[in-house]
C-alpha atoms as a PDB file:
ATOM      1  CA  MET A   1      -0.784   7.056   6.650  1.00  0.00           C
ATOM      2  CA  ASN A   2       0.910   7.920   3.384  1.00  0.00           C
ATOM      3  CA  ARG A   3      -0.159   8.301  -0.206  1.00  0.00           C
ATOM      4  CA  GLY A   4       1.475   6.348  -2.987  1.00  0.00           C
ATOM      5  CA  VAL A   5       1.158   4.692  -6.380  1.00  0.00           C
ATOM      6  CA  VAL A   6       1.046   0.916  -6.894  1.00  0.00           C
ATOM      7  CA  ILE A   7       3.991  -0.007  -9.109  1.00  0.00           C
ATOM      8  CA  GLY A   8       3.821  -3.794  -8.987  1.00  0.00           C
ATOM      9  CA  GLU A   9       3.039  -6.969  -7.117  1.00  0.00           C
ATOM     10  CA  VAL A  10       5.264  -9.225  -5.021  1.00  0.00           C
ATOM     11  CA  TRP A  11       4.923 -12.923  -5.783  1.00  0.00           C
ATOM     12  CA  ALA A  12       5.576 -15.451  -3.054  1.00  0.00           C
ATOM     13  CA  THR A  13       5.606 -19.232  -3.141  1.00  0.00           C
ATOM     14  CA  ARG A  14       4.749 -19.334   0.553  1.00  0.00           C
ATOM     15  CA  LYS A  15       3.127 -16.780   2.866  1.00  0.00           C
ATOM     16  CA  ALA A  16       2.217 -16.638   6.529  1.00  0.00           C
ATOM     17  CA  PRO A  17      -1.145 -18.408   6.918  1.00  0.00           C
ATOM     18  CA  ARG A  18      -3.033 -15.212   7.852  1.00  0.00           C
ATOM     19  CA  LEU A  19      -1.824 -13.530   4.628  1.00  0.00           C
ATOM     20  CA  ALA A  20      -2.535 -16.448   2.276  1.00  0.00           C
ATOM     21  CA  ASP A  21      -5.557 -14.754   0.659  1.00  0.00           C
ATOM     22  CA  ARG A  22      -3.929 -11.299   0.285  1.00  0.00           C
ATOM     23  CA  LYS A  23      -1.908  -9.832  -2.566  1.00  0.00           C
ATOM     24  CA  LEU A  24       1.318  -8.082  -1.634  1.00  0.00           C
ATOM     25  CA  LEU A  25       1.811  -4.848  -3.569  1.00  0.00           C
ATOM     26  CA  LEU A  26       4.844  -2.660  -4.213  1.00  0.00           C
ATOM     27  CA  VAL A  27       3.860   0.944  -3.496  1.00  0.00           C
ATOM     28  CA  ALA A  28       6.034   3.960  -4.361  1.00  0.00           C
ATOM     29  CA  LEU A  29       5.252   6.561  -1.715  1.00  0.00           C
ATOM     30  CA  THR A  30       4.635  10.180  -2.646  1.00  0.00           C
ATOM     31  CA  GLY A  31       4.984  13.467  -0.802  1.00  0.00           C
ATOM     32  CA  HIS A  32       4.501  17.168  -1.384  1.00  0.00           C
ATOM     33  CA  ASP A  33       7.171  19.757  -1.961  1.00  0.00           C
ATOM     34  CA  GLY A  34       6.774  23.368  -3.050  1.00  0.00           C
ATOM     35  CA  ARG A  35       5.904  22.302  -6.601  1.00  0.00           C
ATOM     36  CA  GLY A  36       3.256  19.659  -5.879  1.00  0.00           C
ATOM     37  CA  GLU A  37       3.156  15.921  -5.344  1.00  0.00           C
ATOM     38  CA  ARG A  38       6.405  14.058  -6.060  1.00  0.00           C
ATOM     39  CA  PHE A  39       7.721  10.533  -5.646  1.00  0.00           C
ATOM     40  CA  THR A  40       9.896  10.016  -2.582  1.00  0.00           C
ATOM     41  CA  ASN A  41      12.743   7.526  -2.705  1.00  0.00           C
ATOM     42  CA  ARG A  42      10.736   5.047  -0.655  1.00  0.00           C
ATOM     43  CA  VAL A  43       9.029   1.870  -1.862  1.00  0.00           C
ATOM     44  CA  VAL A  44       7.108  -0.369   0.550  1.00  0.00           C
ATOM     45  CA  VAL A  45       5.453  -3.774   0.368  1.00  0.00           C
ATOM     46  CA  ALA A  46       1.838  -3.499   1.503  1.00  0.00           C
ATOM     47  CA  ALA A  47      -0.903  -6.084   1.999  1.00  0.00           C
ATOM     48  CA  ASP A  48      -3.799  -5.365  -0.357  1.00  0.00           C
ATOM     49  CA  CYS A  49      -7.210  -5.012   1.322  1.00  0.00           C
ATOM     50  CA  LEU A  50      -9.051  -3.526  -1.690  1.00  0.00           C
ATOM     51  CA  ASP A  51      -7.945  -5.301  -4.885  1.00  0.00           C
ATOM     52  CA  ALA A  52      -5.782  -2.377  -6.024  1.00  0.00           C
ATOM     53  CA  GLY A  53      -3.591  -2.736  -9.093  1.00  0.00           C
ATOM     54  CA  PRO A  54      -0.647  -1.168 -10.898  1.00  0.00           C
ATOM     55  CA  GLY A  55      -1.085   2.560 -11.505  1.00  0.00           C
ATOM     56  CA  ASP A  56      -3.698   3.015  -8.761  1.00  0.00           C
ATOM     57  CA  ARG A  57      -3.172   5.882  -6.339  1.00  0.00           C
ATOM     58  CA  VAL A  58      -3.628   4.556  -2.820  1.00  0.00           C
ATOM     59  CA  VAL A  59      -3.420   5.374   0.872  1.00  0.00           C
ATOM     60  CA  VAL A  60      -1.162   3.071   2.902  1.00  0.00           C
ATOM     61  CA  ALA A  61      -1.583   2.558   6.648  1.00  0.00           C
ATOM     62  CA  PHE A  62       1.356   1.437   8.768  1.00  0.00           C
ATOM     63  CA  GLY A  63       1.766  -0.388  12.088  1.00  0.00           C
ATOM     64  CA  SER A  64      -1.319  -1.225  14.126  1.00  0.00           C
ATOM     65  CA  GLY A  65      -3.553   0.581  11.613  1.00  0.00           C
ATOM     66  CA  ALA A  66      -2.361  -1.813   8.905  1.00  0.00           C
ATOM     67  CA  ARG A  67      -2.834  -4.836  11.156  1.00  0.00           C
ATOM     68  CA  ASN A  68      -6.392  -3.748  12.000  1.00  0.00           C
ATOM     69  CA  ALA A  69      -7.206  -3.183   8.312  1.00  0.00           C
ATOM     70  CA  VAL A  70      -6.138  -6.741   7.445  1.00  0.00           C
ATOM     71  CA  SER A  71      -7.709  -8.430  10.478  1.00  0.00           C
ATOM     72  CA  PRO A  72      -9.685  -6.153  12.842  1.00  0.00           C
ATOM     73  CA  GLY A  73      -8.980  -6.785  16.511  1.00  0.00           C
ATOM     74  CA  SER A  74      -6.243  -9.331  15.851  1.00  0.00           C
ATOM     75  CA  ARG A  75      -2.742  -9.072  17.256  1.00  0.00           C
ATOM     76  CA  ASP A  76      -1.251 -12.078  15.464  1.00  0.00           C
ATOM     77  CA  VAL A  77      -1.183 -10.844  11.854  1.00  0.00           C
ATOM     78  CA  LEU A  78       2.335 -10.330  10.486  1.00  0.00           C
ATOM     79  CA  VAL A  79       1.857  -7.106   8.525  1.00  0.00           C
ATOM     80  CA  ASP A  80       3.288  -3.612   8.874  1.00  0.00           C
ATOM     81  CA  ALA A  81       1.767  -1.864   5.828  1.00  0.00           C
ATOM     82  CA  ALA A  82      -1.640  -2.211   4.152  1.00  0.00           C
ATOM     83  CA  VAL A  83      -3.482  -0.504   1.304  1.00  0.00           C
ATOM     84  CA  VAL A  84      -6.592   0.952   2.953  1.00  0.00           C
ATOM     85  CA  GLN A  85      -7.966   3.317   0.288  1.00  0.00           C
ATOM     86  CA  VAL A  86      -7.919   3.659  -3.490  1.00  0.00           C
ATOM     87  CA  ILE A  87      -7.994   7.323  -4.509  1.00  0.00           C
ATOM     88  CA  GLU A  88     -10.390   7.907  -7.407  1.00  0.00           C
ATOM     89  CA  GLY A  89     -10.516  10.832  -9.790  1.00  0.00           C
ATOM     90  CA  GLU A  90      -6.830  11.755  -9.960  1.00  0.00           C
ATOM     91  CA  SER A  91      -5.066  11.123 -13.208  1.00  0.00           C
ATOM     92  CA  GLY A  92      -1.416  10.958 -14.099  1.00  0.00           C
ATOM     93  CA  LEU A  93       1.591  10.159 -12.002  1.00  0.00           C
ATOM     94  CA  PRO A  94       3.320  12.704  -9.791  1.00  0.00           C
ATOM     95  CA  GLY A  95       6.405  14.490 -11.063  1.00  0.00           C
ATOM     96  CA  PRO A  96       9.939  13.108 -10.747  1.00  0.00           C
END
């Protein structure tokens, strides 16, 4: 799992049937260096399980953890990343 900040939403005219009721979010991942939390150069598309929005700090699960967050116990959901937690109480964006 990784932390990140929601920077936008992906719009699609058609989605896989199992994702039809989910938003797809653009999440800029963050990491820590010696000076604190910073943006990495990685942006992912993640299925939204929690109604997160732009500017929200989130935790993103990948692989089978993401699939289980979207549809527990299912093996036929086409998803590799999912927002599984909105982090409350932290303000401001990480440094450059």
